[in-house]
């Protein structure tokens, strides 16, 4: 596992209080109670901190799943 993927997974798991790493791959916004609008902003903040980036508003809105997040991060030159 790449270092960036490990950081990305850790941000999800800590922000959304997920204990099963395998559950991440198919995870989508609102699939779990913790990933509501408040949880979403906490997750975005954690990802911004980990990768030292600032995610634009449109990308925050489009960040609808674990997989989509990986695509969005490519725009910020974060390869996962």
C-alpha atoms as a PDB file:
ATOM      1  CA  UNK A   1       0.000   0.000   0.000  1.00  0.00           C
ATOM      2  CA  UNK A   2       1.341   3.408  -0.920  1.00  0.00           C
ATOM      3  CA  UNK A   3       2.007   5.948   1.792  1.00  0.00           C
ATOM      4  CA  UNK A   4      -0.641   8.301   0.356  1.00  0.00           C
ATOM      5  CA  UNK A   5      -3.258   5.549   0.284  1.00  0.00           C
ATOM      6  CA  UNK A   6      -2.487   4.725   3.906  1.00  0.00           C
ATOM      7  CA  UNK A   7      -2.878   8.402   4.858  1.00  0.00           C
ATOM      8  CA  UNK A   8      -6.125   8.654   2.881  1.00  0.00           C
ATOM      9  CA  UNK A   9      -7.596   5.571   4.549  1.00  0.00           C
ATOM     10  CA  UNK A  10      -6.508   6.775   7.982  1.00  0.00           C
ATOM     11  CA  UNK A  11      -8.223  10.140   7.410  1.00  0.00           C
ATOM     12  CA  UNK A  12     -11.472   8.340   6.532  1.00  0.00           C
ATOM     13  CA  UNK A  13     -11.257   5.884   9.392  1.00  0.00           C
ATOM     14  CA  UNK A  14     -10.471   8.494  12.037  1.00  0.00           C
ATOM     15  CA  UNK A  15     -12.879  11.167  10.772  1.00  0.00           C
ATOM     16  CA  UNK A  16     -15.815   8.819  10.292  1.00  0.00           C
ATOM     17  CA  UNK A  17     -14.971   6.398  13.114  1.00  0.00           C
ATOM     18  CA  UNK A  18     -14.668   3.373  10.837  1.00  0.00           C
ATOM     19  CA  UNK A  19     -12.898   0.320  12.202  1.00  0.00           C
ATOM     20  CA  UNK A  20     -13.061  -1.987   9.157  1.00  0.00           C
ATOM     21  CA  UNK A  21     -10.635  -0.858   6.446  1.00  0.00           C
ATOM     22  CA  UNK A  22     -12.317  -3.193   3.922  1.00  0.00           C
ATOM     23  CA  UNK A  23     -15.562  -1.202   4.246  1.00  0.00           C
ATOM     24  CA  UNK A  24     -13.923   1.859   2.691  1.00  0.00           C
ATOM     25  CA  UNK A  25     -13.730   0.755  -0.945  1.00  0.00           C
ATOM     26  CA  UNK A  26     -17.486   0.930  -1.586  1.00  0.00           C
ATOM     27  CA  UNK A  27     -18.259   3.679   0.927  1.00  0.00           C
ATOM     28  CA  UNK A  28     -20.453   6.540  -0.297  1.00  0.00           C
ATOM     29  CA  UNK A  29     -21.703   9.746   1.298  1.00  0.00           C
ATOM     30  CA  UNK A  30     -24.612   9.057   3.676  1.00  0.00           C
ATOM     31  CA  UNK A  31     -23.998   5.269   3.615  1.00  0.00           C
ATOM     32  CA  UNK A  32     -23.231   5.513   7.322  1.00  0.00           C
ATOM     33  CA  UNK A  33     -24.592   7.897   9.948  1.00  0.00           C
ATOM     34  CA  UNK A  34     -21.159   9.391  10.575  1.00  0.00           C
ATOM     35  CA  UNK A  35     -20.828  10.569   6.969  1.00  0.00           C
ATOM     36  CA  UNK A  36     -23.465  13.252   7.071  1.00  0.00           C
ATOM     37  CA  UNK A  37     -22.898  16.922   6.210  1.00  0.00           C
ATOM     38  CA  UNK A  38     -21.011  17.587   9.455  1.00  0.00           C
ATOM     39  CA  UNK A  39     -18.923  14.431   9.098  1.00  0.00           C
ATOM     40  CA  UNK A  40     -18.232  15.390   5.485  1.00  0.00           C
ATOM     41  CA  UNK A  41     -16.680  18.695   6.457  1.00  0.00           C
ATOM     42  CA  UNK A  42     -14.577  17.012   9.148  1.00  0.00           C
ATOM     43  CA  UNK A  43     -13.383  14.468   6.594  1.00  0.00           C
ATOM     44  CA  UNK A  44     -12.500  17.165   4.051  1.00  0.00           C
ATOM     45  CA  UNK A  45     -10.614  19.092   6.734  1.00  0.00           C
ATOM     46  CA  UNK A  46      -8.672  15.973   7.746  1.00  0.00           C
ATOM     47  CA  UNK A  47      -7.748  15.234   4.127  1.00  0.00           C
ATOM     48  CA  UNK A  48      -6.666  18.840   3.571  1.00  0.00           C
ATOM     49  CA  UNK A  49      -4.468  18.670   6.676  1.00  0.00           C
ATOM     50  CA  UNK A  50      -2.909  15.306   5.797  1.00  0.00           C
ATOM     51  CA  UNK A  51      -2.005  16.289   2.234  1.00  0.00           C
ATOM     52  CA  UNK A  52      -1.435  20.012   2.903  1.00  0.00           C
ATOM     53  CA  UNK A  53      -3.906  21.108   0.225  1.00  0.00           C
ATOM     54  CA  UNK A  54      -7.010  23.268   0.025  1.00  0.00           C
ATOM     55  CA  UNK A  55      -9.929  21.575  -1.711  1.00  0.00           C
ATOM     56  CA  UNK A  56     -12.141  23.868  -3.788  1.00  0.00           C
ATOM     57  CA  UNK A  57     -15.844  24.137  -2.972  1.00  0.00           C
ATOM     58  CA  UNK A  58     -16.982  22.342  -6.146  1.00  0.00           C
ATOM     59  CA  UNK A  59     -14.703  19.431  -5.309  1.00  0.00           C
ATOM     60  CA  UNK A  60     -15.989  19.320  -1.725  1.00  0.00           C
ATOM     61  CA  UNK A  61     -19.494  18.951  -3.152  1.00  0.00           C
ATOM     62  CA  UNK A  62     -18.409  16.313  -5.709  1.00  0.00           C
ATOM     63  CA  UNK A  63     -16.545  14.299  -3.043  1.00  0.00           C
ATOM     64  CA  UNK A  64     -19.325  11.715  -2.816  1.00  0.00           C
ATOM     65  CA  UNK A  65     -17.469   8.469  -2.193  1.00  0.00           C
ATOM     66  CA  UNK A  66     -14.156   6.957  -1.190  1.00  0.00           C
ATOM     67  CA  UNK A  67     -13.417   6.239  -4.865  1.00  0.00           C
ATOM     68  CA  UNK A  68     -14.492   9.676  -6.093  1.00  0.00           C
ATOM     69  CA  UNK A  69     -12.223  11.253  -3.487  1.00  0.00           C
ATOM     70  CA  UNK A  70      -9.216   9.475  -4.975  1.00  0.00           C
ATOM     71  CA  UNK A  71     -10.108  10.917  -8.399  1.00  0.00           C
ATOM     72  CA  UNK A  72     -10.516  14.414  -6.984  1.00  0.00           C
ATOM     73  CA  UNK A  73      -7.163  14.270  -5.188  1.00  0.00           C
ATOM     74  CA  UNK A  74      -5.393  13.652  -8.502  1.00  0.00           C
ATOM     75  CA  UNK A  75      -6.418  17.192  -9.446  1.00  0.00           C
ATOM     76  CA  UNK A  76      -4.360  18.388  -6.467  1.00  0.00           C
ATOM     77  CA  UNK A  77      -1.392  16.247  -7.525  1.00  0.00           C
ATOM     78  CA  UNK A  78      -1.991  13.679  -4.789  1.00  0.00           C
ATOM     79  CA  UNK A  79      -1.555  10.215  -6.286  1.00  0.00           C
ATOM     80  CA  UNK A  80      -3.293   7.447  -4.384  1.00  0.00           C
END
